[in-house]
């Protein structure tokens, strides 16, 4: 049986994984918390091969019987740009709300 290891951006390792299509399968319990804030870079190790993924997203994680199946994917350049725009707009809205509150102005 072929095994995979994932090394998350904080150095945590998820080991003894199998791959079925684009689903990684773990016998150890996993949840979204195990991946939160740790997907900036993910190194996939398989035998002597290593592949580094950047700006990764956890697509889904589900429990099937006694196994946890999950899918990871890299964001496209367009998705990265869209997220940057959304974060900038969110930041601008927060700043506007703060100024309005401090100056007692209704928006």
N, C-alpha and C. Protein backbone atom coordinates (compact mmCIF):
# COMPACT_ATOMS: atom_id res chain seq x y z
N UNK A 1 0.84 -1.18 0.00
CA UNK A 1 0.00 0.00 0.00
C UNK A 1 0.89 1.25 0.00
N UNK A 2 0.62 2.16 -0.92
CA UNK A 2 1.39 3.39 -1.00
C UNK A 2 0.94 4.35 0.08
N UNK A 3 1.92 4.98 0.74
CA UNK A 3 1.61 5.93 1.82
C UNK A 3 2.10 7.32 1.45
N UNK A 4 1.35 8.29 1.94
CA UNK A 4 1.67 9.70 1.75
C UNK A 4 1.80 10.36 3.11
N UNK A 5 2.61 11.40 3.15
CA UNK A 5 2.76 12.24 4.33
C UNK A 5 2.56 13.68 3.90
N UNK A 6 1.81 14.43 4.68
CA UNK A 6 1.65 15.86 4.44
C UNK A 6 2.38 16.61 5.53
N UNK A 7 3.17 17.60 5.14
CA UNK A 7 3.85 18.47 6.09
C UNK A 7 3.22 19.85 5.94
N UNK A 8 2.51 20.29 6.98
CA UNK A 8 1.80 21.56 6.94
C UNK A 8 2.77 22.71 7.19
N UNK A 9 2.32 23.92 6.95
CA UNK A 9 3.22 25.08 7.03
C UNK A 9 3.76 25.32 8.43
N UNK A 10 3.11 24.80 9.47
CA UNK A 10 3.63 24.95 10.83
C UNK A 10 4.55 23.80 11.22
N UNK A 11 4.83 22.88 10.27
CA UNK A 11 5.72 21.76 10.54
C UNK A 11 5.01 20.49 10.99
N UNK A 12 3.73 20.59 11.33
CA UNK A 12 2.98 19.38 11.71
C UNK A 12 2.91 18.42 10.54
N UNK A 13 2.97 17.15 10.88
CA UNK A 13 2.94 16.10 9.87
C UNK A 13 1.67 15.27 10.03
N UNK A 14 1.06 14.96 8.91
CA UNK A 14 -0.06 14.02 8.87
C UNK A 14 0.45 12.84 8.07
N UNK A 15 0.61 11.71 8.75
CA UNK A 15 1.30 10.57 8.14
C UNK A 15 0.37 9.39 7.92
N UNK A 16 0.90 8.43 7.19
CA UNK A 16 0.21 7.16 6.92
C UNK A 16 -1.10 7.39 6.18
N UNK A 17 -1.05 8.25 5.18
CA UNK A 17 -2.24 8.54 4.38
C UNK A 17 -2.25 7.68 3.12
N UNK A 18 -3.45 7.33 2.69
CA UNK A 18 -3.64 6.69 1.38
C UNK A 18 -4.28 7.73 0.47
N UNK A 19 -4.18 7.51 -0.81
CA UNK A 19 -4.77 8.42 -1.78
C UNK A 19 -5.76 7.65 -2.64
N UNK A 20 -6.97 8.20 -2.76
CA UNK A 20 -8.00 7.62 -3.62
C UNK A 20 -8.54 8.76 -4.47
N UNK A 21 -8.13 8.82 -5.74
CA UNK A 21 -8.48 9.96 -6.58
C UNK A 21 -7.79 11.19 -6.03
N UNK A 22 -8.58 12.19 -5.62
CA UNK A 22 -7.99 13.38 -4.99
C UNK A 22 -8.29 13.43 -3.50
N UNK A 23 -8.75 12.32 -2.94
CA UNK A 23 -9.03 12.21 -1.51
C UNK A 23 -7.87 11.56 -0.78
N UNK A 24 -7.38 12.24 0.25
CA UNK A 24 -6.44 11.61 1.17
C UNK A 24 -7.26 10.91 2.23
N UNK A 25 -6.81 9.74 2.66
CA UNK A 25 -7.56 8.94 3.62
C UNK A 25 -6.67 8.67 4.82
N UNK A 26 -7.21 8.99 6.00
CA UNK A 26 -6.47 8.81 7.25
C UNK A 26 -7.26 7.92 8.18
N UNK A 27 -6.55 7.02 8.86
CA UNK A 27 -7.20 6.23 9.90
C UNK A 27 -7.20 6.99 11.23
N UNK A 28 -6.35 8.01 11.33
CA UNK A 28 -6.32 8.87 12.52
C UNK A 28 -7.38 9.95 12.37
N UNK A 29 -8.04 10.27 13.45
CA UNK A 29 -9.10 11.28 13.41
C UNK A 29 -8.52 12.65 13.06
N UNK A 30 -9.18 13.33 12.12
CA UNK A 30 -8.80 14.67 11.70
C UNK A 30 -10.03 15.56 11.66
N UNK A 31 -9.81 16.85 11.82
CA UNK A 31 -10.91 17.82 11.69
C UNK A 31 -10.38 19.07 11.02
N UNK A 32 -11.27 20.01 10.73
CA UNK A 32 -10.87 21.27 10.12
C UNK A 32 -9.85 22.00 10.98
N UNK A 33 -9.94 21.84 12.30
CA UNK A 33 -8.99 22.50 13.21
C UNK A 33 -7.56 22.07 12.95
N UNK A 34 -7.37 20.83 12.53
CA UNK A 34 -6.02 20.33 12.27
C UNK A 34 -5.35 21.06 11.10
N UNK A 35 -6.16 21.69 10.24
CA UNK A 35 -5.64 22.37 9.05
C UNK A 35 -5.70 23.89 9.16
N UNK A 36 -6.50 24.41 10.07
CA UNK A 36 -6.75 25.86 10.16
C UNK A 36 -5.46 26.64 10.35
N UNK A 37 -5.22 27.60 9.47
CA UNK A 37 -4.05 28.45 9.56
C UNK A 37 -2.74 27.77 9.23
N UNK A 38 -2.79 26.57 8.67
CA UNK A 38 -1.58 25.79 8.42
C UNK A 38 -1.43 25.38 6.96
N UNK A 39 -2.14 26.08 6.07
CA UNK A 39 -2.16 25.66 4.68
C UNK A 39 -1.48 26.64 3.72
N UNK A 40 -0.66 27.52 4.26
CA UNK A 40 0.08 28.45 3.39
C UNK A 40 0.96 27.66 2.43
N UNK A 41 1.67 26.68 2.99
CA UNK A 41 2.42 25.72 2.16
C UNK A 41 2.16 24.33 2.72
N UNK A 42 2.02 23.38 1.83
CA UNK A 42 1.84 21.98 2.22
C UNK A 42 2.78 21.16 1.34
N UNK A 43 3.62 20.37 1.99
CA UNK A 43 4.52 19.49 1.25
C UNK A 43 3.93 18.09 1.27
N UNK A 44 3.76 17.53 0.09
CA UNK A 44 3.24 16.18 -0.06
C UNK A 44 4.43 15.27 -0.32
N UNK A 45 4.63 14.31 0.57
CA UNK A 45 5.76 13.38 0.45
C UNK A 45 5.20 12.00 0.11
N UNK A 46 5.74 11.43 -0.97
CA UNK A 46 5.35 10.08 -1.39
C UNK A 46 6.62 9.36 -1.83
N UNK A 47 7.00 8.35 -1.06
CA UNK A 47 8.25 7.62 -1.29
C UNK A 47 9.40 8.61 -1.37
N UNK A 48 10.06 8.74 -2.51
CA UNK A 48 11.19 9.67 -2.62
C UNK A 48 10.80 10.97 -3.31
N UNK A 49 9.52 11.15 -3.60
CA UNK A 49 9.03 12.33 -4.31
C UNK A 49 8.41 13.32 -3.33
N UNK A 50 8.71 14.61 -3.53
CA UNK A 50 8.11 15.67 -2.73
C UNK A 50 7.52 16.71 -3.67
N UNK A 51 6.34 17.19 -3.32
CA UNK A 51 5.69 18.26 -4.10
C UNK A 51 5.20 19.30 -3.11
N UNK A 52 5.51 20.56 -3.37
CA UNK A 52 5.10 21.65 -2.49
C UNK A 52 3.92 22.37 -3.12
N UNK A 53 2.87 22.51 -2.34
CA UNK A 53 1.68 23.26 -2.76
C UNK A 53 1.64 24.56 -1.97
N UNK A 54 1.21 25.65 -2.62
CA UNK A 54 1.14 26.96 -1.97
C UNK A 54 -0.31 27.44 -1.94
N UNK A 55 -0.65 28.18 -0.87
CA UNK A 55 -2.00 28.74 -0.74
C UNK A 55 -3.05 27.66 -0.97
N UNK A 56 -3.08 26.72 -0.05
CA UNK A 56 -3.92 25.54 -0.16
C UNK A 56 -5.23 25.76 0.58
N UNK A 57 -6.26 25.10 0.11
CA UNK A 57 -7.59 25.16 0.72
C UNK A 57 -8.04 23.75 1.05
N UNK A 58 -8.64 23.58 2.23
CA UNK A 58 -9.28 22.32 2.59
C UNK A 58 -10.67 22.35 1.97
N UNK A 59 -10.89 21.54 0.97
CA UNK A 59 -12.17 21.53 0.26
C UNK A 59 -13.24 20.87 1.11
N UNK A 60 -12.91 19.72 1.67
CA UNK A 60 -13.87 19.02 2.53
C UNK A 60 -13.13 17.99 3.37
N UNK A 61 -13.76 17.63 4.46
CA UNK A 61 -13.27 16.52 5.27
C UNK A 61 -14.51 15.80 5.81
N UNK A 62 -14.56 14.50 5.59
CA UNK A 62 -15.72 13.72 6.02
C UNK A 62 -15.24 12.43 6.68
N UNK A 63 -16.04 11.95 7.60
CA UNK A 63 -15.76 10.66 8.24
C UNK A 63 -16.56 9.59 7.52
N UNK A 64 -15.87 8.57 7.05
CA UNK A 64 -16.48 7.41 6.41
C UNK A 64 -16.09 6.19 7.21
N UNK A 65 -17.06 5.64 7.92
CA UNK A 65 -16.81 4.51 8.81
C UNK A 65 -15.72 4.89 9.81
N UNK A 66 -14.56 4.26 9.78
CA UNK A 66 -13.49 4.57 10.73
C UNK A 66 -12.34 5.32 10.09
N UNK A 67 -12.62 6.01 8.98
CA UNK A 67 -11.59 6.75 8.27
C UNK A 67 -12.05 8.18 8.02
N UNK A 68 -11.08 9.06 7.88
CA UNK A 68 -11.35 10.47 7.56
C UNK A 68 -10.82 10.74 6.17
N UNK A 69 -11.71 11.17 5.29
CA UNK A 69 -11.37 11.47 3.90
C UNK A 69 -11.34 12.98 3.74
N UNK A 70 -10.27 13.51 3.11
CA UNK A 70 -10.22 14.95 2.91
C UNK A 70 -9.57 15.28 1.58
N UNK A 71 -9.92 16.48 1.09
CA UNK A 71 -9.41 16.96 -0.19
C UNK A 71 -8.75 18.31 0.04
N UNK A 72 -7.55 18.47 -0.50
CA UNK A 72 -6.83 19.74 -0.50
C UNK A 72 -6.64 20.19 -1.94
N UNK A 73 -6.63 21.51 -2.14
CA UNK A 73 -6.33 22.03 -3.48
C UNK A 73 -5.67 23.39 -3.35
N UNK A 74 -4.85 23.71 -4.36
CA UNK A 74 -4.20 25.01 -4.44
C UNK A 74 -5.18 26.02 -5.03
N UNK A 75 -5.17 27.23 -4.48
CA UNK A 75 -5.98 28.29 -5.06
C UNK A 75 -5.37 28.74 -6.38
N UNK A 76 -6.23 29.12 -7.30
CA UNK A 76 -5.74 29.64 -8.59
C UNK A 76 -5.27 31.09 -8.38
N UNK A 77 -4.47 31.61 -9.29
CA UNK A 77 -4.06 33.02 -9.17
C UNK A 77 -5.27 33.97 -9.11
N UNK A 78 -6.32 33.68 -9.84
CA UNK A 78 -7.51 34.51 -9.82
C UNK A 78 -8.18 34.48 -8.44
N UNK A 79 -8.24 33.31 -7.84
CA UNK A 79 -8.84 33.18 -6.50
C UNK A 79 -8.00 33.92 -5.46
N UNK A 80 -6.70 33.86 -5.59
CA UNK A 80 -5.82 34.58 -4.66
C UNK A 80 -6.04 36.08 -4.78
N UNK A 81 -6.13 36.57 -6.02
CA UNK A 81 -6.36 38.00 -6.24
C UNK A 81 -7.72 38.41 -5.67
N UNK A 82 -8.75 37.59 -5.88
CA UNK A 82 -10.09 37.89 -5.35
C UNK A 82 -10.09 37.93 -3.83
N UNK A 83 -9.38 37.02 -3.20
CA UNK A 83 -9.29 37.04 -1.73
C UNK A 83 -8.59 38.30 -1.23
N UNK A 84 -7.54 38.71 -1.92
CA UNK A 84 -6.84 39.95 -1.54
C UNK A 84 -7.78 41.15 -1.64
N UNK A 85 -8.57 41.20 -2.71
CA UNK A 85 -9.54 42.29 -2.88
C UNK A 85 -10.56 42.26 -1.76
N UNK A 86 -11.08 41.08 -1.44
CA UNK A 86 -12.08 40.97 -0.38
C UNK A 86 -11.51 41.39 0.97
N UNK A 87 -10.27 41.00 1.27
CA UNK A 87 -9.65 41.40 2.53
C UNK A 87 -9.43 42.90 2.59
N UNK A 88 -9.03 43.49 1.47
CA UNK A 88 -8.84 44.94 1.42
C UNK A 88 -10.16 45.66 1.64
N UNK A 89 -11.21 45.21 0.99
CA UNK A 89 -12.53 45.83 1.18
C UNK A 89 -13.03 45.67 2.61
N UNK A 90 -12.80 44.51 3.20
CA UNK A 90 -13.20 44.28 4.58
C UNK A 90 -12.45 45.23 5.51
N UNK A 91 -11.15 45.40 5.28
CA UNK A 91 -10.33 46.29 6.09
C UNK A 91 -10.79 47.74 5.95
N UNK A 92 -11.08 48.15 4.73
CA UNK A 92 -11.56 49.51 4.50
C UNK A 92 -12.90 49.75 5.19
N UNK A 93 -13.79 48.77 5.15
CA UNK A 93 -15.08 48.90 5.82
C UNK A 93 -14.90 49.01 7.33
N UNK A 94 -14.00 48.20 7.87
CA UNK A 94 -13.74 48.26 9.32
C UNK A 94 -13.18 49.62 9.71
N UNK A 95 -12.27 50.17 8.91
CA UNK A 95 -11.71 51.49 9.20
C UNK A 95 -12.78 52.57 9.11
N UNK A 96 -13.64 52.48 8.12
CA UNK A 96 -14.72 53.45 7.96
C UNK A 96 -15.67 53.38 9.14
N UNK A 97 -16.03 52.18 9.56
CA UNK A 97 -16.91 52.01 10.72
C UNK A 97 -16.29 52.60 11.98
N UNK A 98 -15.00 52.39 12.15
CA UNK A 98 -14.31 52.91 13.33
C UNK A 98 -14.30 54.43 13.34
N UNK A 99 -13.98 55.02 12.18
CA UNK A 99 -13.97 56.49 12.09
C UNK A 99 -15.36 57.05 12.34
N UNK A 100 -16.38 56.41 11.78
CA UNK A 100 -17.74 56.87 12.00
C UNK A 100 -18.12 56.80 13.48
N UNK A 101 -17.72 55.72 14.14
CA UNK A 101 -18.02 55.56 15.56
C UNK A 101 -17.29 56.63 16.38
N UNK A 102 -16.03 56.86 16.08
CA UNK A 102 -15.23 57.82 16.86
C UNK A 102 -15.68 59.27 16.64
N UNK A 103 -16.22 59.55 15.48
CA UNK A 103 -16.64 60.92 15.18
C UNK A 103 -18.15 61.08 15.36
N UNK A 104 -18.82 60.00 15.78
CA UNK A 104 -20.27 60.01 16.01
C UNK A 104 -21.04 60.45 14.76
N UNK A 105 -20.64 59.88 13.63
CA UNK A 105 -21.29 60.15 12.35
C UNK A 105 -22.10 58.93 11.94
N UNK A 106 -23.34 59.15 11.51
CA UNK A 106 -24.16 58.06 11.00
C UNK A 106 -23.78 57.75 9.56
N UNK A 107 -23.59 56.51 9.26
CA UNK A 107 -23.23 56.12 7.90
C UNK A 107 -24.42 55.47 7.24
